[in-house]
Protein backbone atom coordinates (compact mmCIF):
# COMPACT_ATOMS: atom_id res chain seq x y z
CA MET A 1 33.46 69.33 179.85
CA ILE A 2 35.03 70.06 183.82
CA ARG A 3 38.17 67.37 181.99
CA PHE A 4 38.10 69.65 178.48
CA LEU A 5 37.51 73.06 181.09
CA SER A 6 40.58 71.32 182.59
CA ARG A 7 42.47 70.95 179.58
CA ARG A 8 41.95 74.51 178.28
CA PHE A 9 42.00 76.72 180.69
CA ILE A 10 44.93 75.16 183.49
CA ARG A 11 48.37 74.69 182.90
CA ASP A 12 50.20 70.99 183.05
CA CYS A 13 46.67 70.39 184.97
CA ASP A 14 48.53 66.56 185.69
CA ASN A 15 50.73 68.37 188.41
CA VAL A 16 47.78 68.03 190.38
CA SER A 17 50.64 68.20 194.07
CA ASP A 18 51.64 72.13 192.34
CA PRO A 19 49.32 74.59 194.98
CA ALA A 20 48.63 77.15 192.02
CA VAL A 21 47.57 73.55 189.95
CA ARG A 22 44.73 72.78 193.42
CA ARG A 23 43.81 76.53 193.44
CA ALA A 24 43.50 76.56 189.35
CA TYR A 25 40.75 73.14 189.62
CA GLY A 26 39.04 75.39 192.90
CA ILE A 27 38.58 77.79 190.72
CA LEU A 28 37.05 76.59 188.19
CA CYS A 29 34.66 74.23 190.24
CA GLY A 30 33.65 76.64 192.07
CA CYS A 31 32.41 78.79 188.57
CA VAL A 32 30.95 75.34 187.12
CA GLY A 33 29.63 75.18 189.82
CA ILE A 34 28.15 79.38 189.87
CA GLY A 35 26.92 79.10 186.77
CA LEU A 36 24.81 75.64 186.46
CA ASN A 37 23.68 76.34 189.91
CA LEU A 38 21.78 80.32 188.25
CA LEU A 39 20.62 78.29 186.11
CA LEU A 40 18.68 75.27 188.27
CA PHE A 41 18.15 78.41 190.39
CA LEU A 42 15.86 80.84 187.73
CA GLY A 43 14.23 78.00 185.98
CA LYS A 44 12.52 76.34 189.65
CA LEU A 45 11.80 79.52 190.74
CA ALA A 46 9.84 80.20 187.56
CA ALA A 47 7.61 76.56 187.95
CA GLY A 48 8.05 77.65 191.21
CA LEU A 49 5.67 80.81 190.97
CA LEU A 50 3.74 79.72 188.11
CA SER A 51 2.54 76.43 189.82
CA GLY A 52 2.35 78.40 193.24
CA SER A 53 4.33 74.84 194.43
CA ILE A 54 6.23 76.47 197.84
CA ALA A 55 8.33 72.52 197.48
CA VAL A 56 9.64 73.81 194.44
CA THR A 57 10.18 77.46 195.06
CA ALA A 58 12.12 76.32 198.19
CA ASP A 59 14.29 74.33 196.32
CA ALA A 60 14.93 76.67 193.43
CA PHE A 61 16.40 78.61 197.26
CA ASN A 62 18.52 75.32 198.09
CA ASN A 63 20.20 76.03 194.56
CA LEU A 64 20.31 79.49 194.79
CA SER A 65 21.94 78.84 198.26
CA ASP A 66 24.62 76.74 196.52
CA ALA A 67 25.09 79.12 194.27
CA GLY A 68 26.34 81.41 197.24
CA SER A 69 28.36 78.32 198.78
CA SER A 70 30.34 78.19 195.40
CA VAL A 71 30.85 81.56 195.63
CA VAL A 72 32.78 81.54 198.94
CA THR A 73 34.27 78.68 198.16
CA LEU A 74 35.97 80.50 195.42
CA LEU A 75 36.91 82.98 196.94
CA GLY A 76 38.40 80.07 199.71
CA PHE A 77 40.59 78.83 197.55
CA LYS A 78 42.12 82.21 196.30
CA LEU A 79 42.43 84.11 199.74
CA ALA A 80 44.25 80.33 200.79
CA ALA A 81 46.47 80.70 198.04
CA GLN A 82 47.83 83.94 199.46
CA ALA A 83 51.56 83.54 200.65
CA PRO A 84 53.48 83.19 204.25
CA ASP A 85 53.40 86.50 205.82
CA GLN A 86 55.10 88.29 208.83
CA GLY A 87 51.53 87.79 210.50
CA HIS A 88 50.99 84.53 209.52
CA PRO A 89 54.11 82.96 208.78
CA PHE A 90 52.33 79.55 207.86
CA GLY A 91 50.46 80.80 204.91
CA HIS A 92 46.89 81.28 204.78
CA GLY A 93 45.62 77.78 203.39
CA ARG A 94 42.81 76.84 206.47
CA MET A 95 41.10 80.50 204.80
CA GLU A 96 39.58 77.12 203.07
CA TYR A 97 38.10 75.83 205.64
CA VAL A 98 37.21 78.85 207.17
CA SER A 99 34.96 79.91 203.85
CA GLY A 100 33.29 76.68 203.80
CA LEU A 101 31.94 77.24 207.83
CA VAL A 102 30.79 80.62 205.93
CA VAL A 103 28.66 78.48 203.62
CA SER A 104 27.50 75.92 206.41
CA MET A 105 25.84 79.29 208.15
CA VAL A 106 24.25 80.34 205.34
CA ILE A 107 22.92 77.06 203.85
CA ALA A 108 21.66 76.87 208.17
CA VAL A 109 19.81 79.99 207.87
CA MET A 110 18.22 79.12 204.46
CA GLY A 111 17.43 76.01 205.33
CA VAL A 112 15.42 77.38 208.85
CA GLU A 113 13.61 80.18 206.49
CA LEU A 114 12.17 77.39 204.21
CA GLY A 115 11.50 75.33 206.51
CA LYS A 116 9.02 77.64 208.86
CA THR A 117 6.91 78.25 205.08
CA SER A 118 6.57 74.80 204.55
CA VAL A 119 5.05 74.69 208.45
CA GLU A 120 2.77 77.01 207.41
CA LYS A 121 1.81 75.27 204.00
CA ILE A 122 0.89 72.11 206.07
CA PHE A 123 -1.20 73.53 208.04
CA ARG A 124 -3.04 75.79 205.24
CA PRO A 125 -2.26 73.72 202.21
CA GLU A 126 -2.94 75.04 199.09
CA PRO A 127 -4.32 73.15 195.41
CA VAL A 128 -0.80 73.08 193.48
CA GLY A 129 -1.24 73.94 189.55
CA PHE A 130 1.82 71.21 189.09
CA THR A 131 2.81 71.08 184.79
CA LEU A 132 4.65 68.88 182.28
CA LEU A 133 7.11 72.16 182.54
CA THR A 134 7.50 71.79 186.02
CA GLY A 135 8.55 67.96 186.10
CA ALA A 136 10.50 68.45 182.97
CA ILE A 137 12.62 71.31 184.89
CA LEU A 138 13.01 69.59 188.39
CA ALA A 139 13.63 65.44 186.20
CA ILE A 140 16.31 68.15 183.91
CA SER A 141 17.94 69.54 187.95
CA ILE A 142 17.98 66.25 189.48
CA CYS A 143 20.26 65.40 186.15
CA VAL A 144 22.63 68.26 185.93
CA LYS A 145 22.97 67.93 190.09
CA LEU A 146 24.44 64.01 189.72
CA TYR A 147 26.61 65.25 187.39
CA MET A 148 27.85 67.93 189.77
CA ALA A 149 28.16 65.09 191.76
CA ALA A 150 30.43 62.88 189.75
CA TYR A 151 32.80 65.89 188.54
CA ASN A 152 33.01 67.69 191.96
CA ARG A 153 34.15 63.59 193.92
CA ALA A 154 36.40 63.39 191.05
CA VAL A 155 38.04 66.61 191.39
CA GLY A 156 37.89 66.21 195.29
CA ARG A 157 39.74 63.17 195.22
CA ARG A 158 41.86 64.30 192.62
CA ILE A 159 43.16 67.17 194.42
CA SER A 160 42.61 65.43 197.58
CA SER A 161 40.31 67.97 199.00
CA PRO A 162 37.55 68.27 201.48
CA ALA A 163 36.02 71.31 200.54
CA MET A 164 34.83 69.92 196.89
CA ALA A 165 34.45 66.15 198.30
CA ALA A 166 31.50 68.23 200.80
CA THR A 167 30.25 69.36 197.13
CA ALA A 168 30.08 66.60 195.76
CA LEU A 169 28.02 65.19 198.80
CA ASP A 170 25.77 68.34 199.24
CA SER A 171 24.67 67.76 195.41
CA LEU A 172 23.98 63.89 196.02
CA SER A 173 21.48 65.71 198.63
CA ASP A 174 19.76 68.07 196.37
CA CYS A 175 18.94 65.02 193.99
CA LEU A 176 17.05 63.47 197.36
CA ALA A 177 15.46 66.14 197.39
CA THR A 178 14.84 67.63 193.94
CA ALA A 179 13.62 64.01 194.11
CA ALA A 180 10.69 64.70 196.33
CA VAL A 181 9.53 67.54 194.89
CA LEU A 182 9.35 66.08 191.85
CA LEU A 183 7.03 63.37 193.65
CA GLY A 184 5.18 65.22 195.75
CA GLY A 185 4.16 67.38 192.23
CA LEU A 186 3.17 64.46 190.65
CA ALA A 187 0.58 63.27 194.02
CA GLY A 188 -0.43 65.74 193.78
CA ARG A 189 -1.04 66.13 189.57
CA LEU A 190 -2.57 62.81 189.62
CA TRP A 191 -4.51 62.06 192.77
CA GLN A 192 -5.57 65.21 194.51
CA ILE A 193 -3.16 64.07 197.23
CA GLN A 194 -1.42 67.27 198.64
CA ILE A 195 1.94 67.18 200.95
CA ASP A 196 3.73 70.00 198.94
CA GLY A 197 4.16 71.50 202.67
CA TRP A 198 5.52 68.48 203.52
CA CYS A 199 7.55 68.03 200.68
CA GLY A 200 9.49 71.75 201.23
CA ALA A 201 9.91 70.63 204.27
CA ALA A 202 11.29 67.60 203.31
CA VAL A 203 13.79 69.81 201.45
CA ALA A 204 14.09 71.85 204.23
CA ALA A 205 15.59 68.81 206.47
CA PHE A 206 17.96 68.09 203.39
CA ILE A 207 19.23 71.75 203.33
CA LEU A 208 20.21 71.96 207.59
CA TRP A 209 21.57 68.37 206.87
CA SER A 210 24.10 69.57 204.20
CA GLY A 211 24.55 72.57 206.49
CA PHE A 212 25.62 70.54 209.42
CA ARG A 213 28.08 68.52 206.91
CA ALA A 214 29.55 71.03 205.51
CA ALA A 215 30.00 72.74 209.39
CA LYS A 216 31.06 69.36 210.40
CA GLU A 217 33.43 69.15 207.59
CA THR A 218 34.92 72.33 208.00
CA VAL A 219 35.64 72.45 211.59
CA ASP A 220 37.09 69.56 212.39
CA PRO A 221 40.68 70.62 210.28
CA LEU A 222 39.67 74.05 212.21
CA LEU A 223 40.54 72.30 215.49
CA GLY A 224 43.52 69.76 215.16
CA GLN A 225 41.68 66.14 213.53
CA PRO A 226 44.87 63.67 213.41
CA PRO A 227 45.41 62.80 209.88
CA SER A 228 44.17 59.09 207.34
CA PRO A 229 45.89 55.63 208.66
CA GLU A 230 46.70 55.99 205.00
CA PHE A 231 48.98 59.07 204.87
CA VAL A 232 49.91 57.66 208.66
CA LYS A 233 51.29 54.27 206.93
CA GLN A 234 52.67 55.91 204.32
CA VAL A 235 55.06 58.76 206.46
CA GLN A 236 56.12 55.31 208.13
CA GLU A 237 56.91 53.05 205.87
CA LEU A 238 58.80 55.87 203.91
CA VAL A 239 61.30 56.27 207.19
CA LEU A 240 61.39 53.40 208.10
CA ARG A 241 62.72 52.06 204.38
CA ARG A 242 66.45 53.25 205.77
CA PRO A 243 67.61 49.78 207.41
CA GLU A 244 69.52 52.29 210.34
CA ILE A 245 66.33 53.63 211.37
CA THR A 246 64.67 50.53 213.75
CA GLY A 247 61.15 53.01 214.80
CA VAL A 248 59.38 55.42 214.48
CA HIS A 249 57.06 57.23 217.25
CA ASP A 250 55.48 60.63 218.67
CA LEU A 251 54.34 61.01 214.81
CA LEU A 252 52.62 64.52 214.69
CA VAL A 253 51.13 66.24 211.84
CA HIS A 254 50.20 69.62 211.69
CA ASP A 255 47.72 71.11 208.81
CA TYR A 256 47.59 74.67 208.09
CA GLY A 257 45.00 73.93 205.12
CA PRO A 258 45.26 71.80 202.25
CA GLY A 259 48.95 71.58 201.09
CA ARG A 260 50.26 72.73 204.02
CA ARG A 261 51.54 70.28 206.29
CA PHE A 262 54.28 70.18 209.07
CA ILE A 263 55.16 66.43 209.87
CA SER A 264 58.20 65.56 213.17
CA LEU A 265 58.02 62.79 214.32
CA HIS A 266 60.91 60.12 216.31
CA ALA A 267 63.71 57.85 214.46
CA GLU A 268 65.04 55.16 216.56
CA VAL A 269 68.33 54.59 215.53
CA PRO A 270 71.57 53.09 217.22
CA ALA A 271 72.83 54.31 219.55
CA ASP A 272 76.19 52.52 219.13
CA GLY A 273 76.58 54.12 215.53
CA ASP A 274 77.92 56.89 213.64
CA ILE A 275 76.28 60.26 215.09
CA LEU A 276 77.31 61.90 212.07
CA GLU A 277 76.12 59.13 209.76
CA LEU A 278 72.88 58.81 210.97
CA HIS A 279 72.32 61.97 210.73
CA ASP A 280 72.79 61.90 207.39
CA VAL A 281 70.17 59.24 207.16
CA VAL A 282 68.09 61.01 209.06
CA ASP A 283 68.36 64.70 206.49
CA ALA A 284 67.81 62.46 203.34
CA ALA A 285 64.25 61.17 205.10
CA GLU A 286 63.61 64.50 206.37
CA ARG A 287 64.02 65.33 202.43
CA GLU A 288 61.92 63.03 200.84
CA LEU A 289 59.18 62.76 202.88
CA SER A 290 59.26 66.64 202.09
CA LYS A 291 59.44 65.72 198.79
CA THR A 292 56.96 63.24 198.69
CA MET A 293 54.33 63.81 200.94
CA GLY A 294 54.93 67.99 200.42
CA CYS A 295 55.11 68.80 203.30
CA LEU A 296 57.82 69.78 206.06
CA ALA A 297 59.56 67.54 208.07
CA THR A 298 61.42 67.15 211.58
CA ILE A 299 62.56 64.42 212.67
CA HIS A 300 64.43 63.97 216.45
CA MET A 301 67.05 61.02 216.23
CA ASP A 302 66.54 58.36 219.42
CA PRO A 303 69.32 55.89 220.03
CA VAL A 304 68.58 52.86 220.96
CA VAL A 305 71.15 50.31 222.67
CA SER A 306 71.16 47.49 221.17
CA ASP A 307 72.69 44.42 224.20
CA GLY A 308 71.93 41.17 222.01
CA GLY A 309 68.23 41.53 223.05
CA ARG A 310 67.73 41.51 226.25
CA THR A 311 65.82 45.07 226.17
CA ALA A 312 63.47 43.72 223.92
CA GLU A 313 62.51 40.68 225.17
CA MET A 314 62.22 43.35 228.35
CA ARG A 315 59.91 46.02 226.17
CA ASP A 316 58.06 42.86 224.98
CA ARG A 317 56.92 41.20 228.22
CA VAL A 318 56.42 44.83 229.82
CA LEU A 319 54.50 45.43 226.89
CA SER A 320 52.85 42.15 227.09
CA ILE A 321 51.36 43.17 230.72
CA ALA A 322 50.25 46.62 229.42
CA GLN A 323 48.32 45.42 226.80
CA LEU A 324 46.23 43.22 229.28
CA ILE A 325 44.60 46.20 230.94
CA ASP A 326 43.31 47.56 227.39
CA PRO A 327 45.14 46.64 224.23
CA GLY A 328 45.41 49.16 222.90
CA ILE A 329 47.93 50.85 224.96
CA THR A 330 52.07 50.69 223.05
CA ILE A 331 54.85 51.52 224.08
CA HIS A 332 58.51 53.36 223.08
CA ASP A 333 62.07 54.62 223.99
CA PHE A 334 61.91 51.59 227.01
CA ARG A 335 65.80 51.40 228.57
CA THR A 336 66.77 49.73 231.37
CA VAL A 337 69.00 51.74 234.36
CA PRO A 338 70.95 49.06 236.99
CA GLY A 339 71.71 49.93 240.46
CA PRO A 340 72.69 48.33 243.00
CA THR A 341 68.82 47.25 244.75
CA HIS A 342 66.85 47.34 241.69
CA THR A 343 66.71 48.29 237.86
CA LYS A 344 64.69 51.54 236.59
CA VAL A 345 62.61 49.80 234.16
CA ILE A 346 62.04 53.30 232.24
CA PHE A 347 59.55 53.86 229.28
CA ASP A 348 56.83 56.06 227.39
CA ALA A 349 53.46 54.37 227.71
CA VAL A 350 50.47 55.64 225.05
CA ILE A 351 46.77 55.34 226.04
CA PRO A 352 44.09 55.76 223.27
CA TYR A 353 41.63 57.81 223.80
CA GLN A 354 38.78 55.11 223.80
CA CYS A 355 40.60 53.63 227.17
CA GLY A 356 37.63 54.26 230.31
CA LEU A 357 40.43 54.14 232.77
CA PRO A 358 42.17 57.58 234.47
CA ASP A 359 45.91 57.63 233.25
CA ASN A 360 47.22 57.79 237.72
CA GLU A 361 44.82 53.78 238.03
CA ILE A 362 46.55 52.64 234.83
CA VAL A 363 50.57 53.93 235.64
CA SER A 364 49.36 51.87 239.07
CA ARG A 365 48.60 48.94 237.61
CA ILE A 366 51.75 48.79 235.04
CA LYS A 367 54.13 49.13 237.94
CA ALA A 368 52.22 46.12 239.65
CA GLY A 369 52.41 44.36 236.87
CA VAL A 370 56.67 45.05 236.28
CA LYS A 371 56.62 43.82 240.18
CA THR A 372 55.19 40.37 239.53
CA LEU A 373 57.78 39.99 235.48
CA ASP A 374 61.08 40.91 238.24
CA PRO A 375 60.41 42.35 241.85
CA ASP A 376 63.67 43.96 241.45
CA TRP A 377 62.23 45.65 238.13
CA SER A 378 61.02 49.47 238.82
CA ALA A 379 58.45 50.81 236.21
CA VAL A 380 59.38 54.56 235.81
CA VAL A 381 55.74 55.23 233.09
CA HIS A 382 55.08 58.50 231.41
CA VAL A 383 51.98 58.58 230.09
CA GLU A 384 51.10 60.23 226.45
CA LYS A 385 48.17 60.39 224.37
CA SER A 386 48.23 59.41 219.97
CA PHE A 387 48.03 62.62 217.15
CA VAL A 388 47.44 59.82 214.99
């Protein structure tokens, strides 16, 4: 159905790199989600009231919260599509994340309230009139939610939307929650085991877990999370395909919302090359990054001295010393400054966050290790942390 609707209502629906097309997909899926969740809510609410099942009623309000989530997500897509202005020069793309955070808070509140009601039912159980109609409604709900999970996951991958991916996971958890309610109702009807309150508590737990997971999916990009390894690899491959660029480091990716990324990096180029030609190469790399990755790119040139491989050999020896301290350490901007009494060995060391040693101790060990390579070498180490 989503594929049919997208081809009918979204112009140029295959051009997902276009922000307008991306927004249209978000709005379409949001509208479909609102409609289906409202239908599920009404059906389950009627079944819950007729049967007196708190678990079925809880599951109904779970679908109502999902409809509300779709409303907020839809508004988030529309607000995120606003053009940059004087007060927000990087655009409003993060509104998609903010809307997801609001949704997660609503889901959490709903889970707490339904949990309280379910606990009361555990301590004061009542017979539940579970009918075949109730069972049929719950079974249909599971099928509908599986379909929603499938189309949300497909669209999320197509437009690279974490919000849509989170919605797909939420639909899968709804399937499990509804299955628990169905099993509880069948247990009461077939074996007279009153576990309706426990099933309601399980549904409330699923709702709370969905709220926590949705919050994490939106808080992480708001706080600033690293880009995916695949994204980093693609950036490096695009830049390094030019033979004049010999290395890449200090890659930074700023995310101001889906489709609004800013990239900056340092590109190593021969120090004895023609500065104007190298500048043209770097400009071309920036343009290709912007066109291919859908972002704004800025590249800083780092000149690298070529001395027949002697500096590269020294660099490899120093790197081996650093990686004895932690295998995740990398170095860059390696250069030497010869003097009358000693040679300065200057470089930046990138220390992984999981390294348990303090930076000053790592620097001291690296300096001591460099001295073991050659007593006339004096290391000048600048510590950095990786942003990818």
